[in-house]
């Protein structure tokens, strides 16, 4: 039986539905709009138009705008963790390495800057937790990093015999210290020299608290491997 020829062009054919690709387009569109207009002024209809999907697709994949914000926050946290771990085993790294990689990642990609400006109550990342519209994003990102730090500290504790180290508490405190250090280091009025001093002080402080040696040499940047776009 003869079949009818398909005379449609790539532009007129209906796009084949790909759940993973749809989720990714929604996350990328949401990231752009949240960074430009803020969480409060961005609706799911705006995101659907920018992502070229139906608004129903957003609710199907994420359930709600808040859940979408949380998923985007987890993406930010996962990118940071990838940058801090790189290709190393958890037991082979420590705060002297991971904090420097964290600073390098932020310096290279500046992924938080627009989001902070559009959504923070005081110009800091932590200030996003004081904004009801941004709190779910911030807490999701922070929790991913704290969970990763706890696993890394547990591995480091076993490898180095650090019996005194309480990994869950140390991870939560480290995340707070480093977050404040990043806010301070990347203020517009900070010189490169002062930024470096903040980084070194954060490394010394956390290494001393954990009881590990503080290396004095900053590593070659590796953060580019982690990328900047949400995944």
Foldseek 3Di string as FASTA:
>chain_A
DDDDDDPDDPVPDDDDDDLVLLLQLLLQLCLVCCLAANLVPDDLCSSCVSSVHDSVSCCVNQVGSLSSLLLSLLLLLVLLLCQQCPPHDLQVDDLLRSLLSSLLLCVVQVLCQSNLVNAAPPSALVSNCVGVSRNSSSVSSLVSQLVSQLVSLVSNCVNVVQVVDDSNVLSNVLSVLSRVLSSVLPDPPHDPVNSVVSSLVSQVVSCVVSVHDNDDDRDDHDSVVSPRGGD
